[in-house]
């Protein structure tokens, strides 16, 4: 299986090369030429396996240029009980009858990004060896919060790599900022950007697409790659947990093999929910994929109207990882729906030049066959956090609350009785101030660590070790740059 660009450039490459490159030469995203198809026998074979073993089986369908030994080593290095605080890695929890949470935040940085970013460095290290590349790989990351720390943790001190993370100066939570600024490692750096996440992500994309600058880096012995979900190696691991959740529900006798399931996903960049789309295309019995947004509801509007328009007010919300108006992974969905790279390229050019595009009627109809959407503002998000706690004694973070309420609203409006799995993407401890406020607690005159302690008195899950130790760690990164100076930041980091 080779990987090709969503924009049609003649650049079919192996999975190893796609993972190293990150972005196709024409600015498009790599997608598999064909999506592998599984059957009920394959699904049944997952039931008695650990999460790690399930991952190996699913990854092998896409990484056909990797040996079984290489895949095994990648997975075994990524998903260890030393890094994850539960043997299940990703537990599926029943909160209410027929309504479940898939807890994706039991990894070292307490966010779902660990599921991919503990594995991506293993993919990259293996790919470099397979391809015989001698250059140093420079990982550039734009983060709205969770990706940055997860990428830093995954790549710290990985041979033949350096990692530079950019984050919007005022666009992440205090805990998220501390997680990044205290990051140790000989090959890491962090820069705050004067702007929002879209400014930050656009700046990183421009660096990747600047051919002259990339030639200059190559002369210096460096190659750029990405740890954002534009990198196929970042998206691929996320497919696994949809299958794992389904297998768990069958094992727990909540569903029968072959029954359909709905998934609701809080998403801004469209990567997490796109992984669910791949799972559905492969043959996982998925009924609907429900996209949950906050007040930056560009995806909700698109999935309901067929028009993508980022020309709107940008809101800073209490669910900052979804504070995004340019959803990069939507490009992959459009390619798979249309199978027309020329059309996708046209959409992306319109987005670049006007900030808006409208898909044709057939494409819109095909999207609506699988996707539903809803959104929540901050006030409704806080109410949901409060209600879940009162009704179910469950403490949800802000992003999970958005998805939970969107799922409830979907069920109420459609009367769809299909079992619902809501993806829980972050530990509530990462957003203690917002969660405690929603629960009616007084947070005045309390620093981040007092808030962690307070929340621990209400939550059955203890404070994650990685967050508890932040208080004693020194600040190691104090870099700041304008969005126009991100290339200068890269040069400073690389000392060139």
Foldseek 3Di string as FASTA:
>chain_A
DWWDFLQDDPDTHALLVLQQLLADLVLGFIDDPDQAADDLVLLVVCQPDALLVLLLVQVCVRRVVDDSVLSSVLSPQQDDCVFFVDSNCWDWADQDQLEIETLLQRGNQFFNLSLQQLRSLSSNLVSCVVVVQDFQEEAEEQALFRNQLSNLVNCAPRPSYAYEYEYAPPRYDPLSVLSNQLRDHPRYAYAHAPDHSQLRVVLVSVCSNPVVNQVVQVVVRYHYHYCPLSRVSSLSSLLSVVSVNVSVCCNVVSDPRPAEEEEEEEDALCRNLVSVVSNVVNPHRYQAYEYEAAPLVQVQCCLVPQKRALPDDQDRALVSRNSHRHRRCVLVVLCVLVVDSNVSVVQVVCCVPPVMDGDDPSSSVSSNSHYHYDYYYRVQLLLQQQVSCVPRVAHAASSQSRRVVSVVVVCVVPVDSHRYYYYRTGDNLSSLVSSCVSNVHDCPPHDSQSSLVVVQVSHPDHDNPSSNCSVVGDRNHDHYDYSVCVVVVVCVSVVD
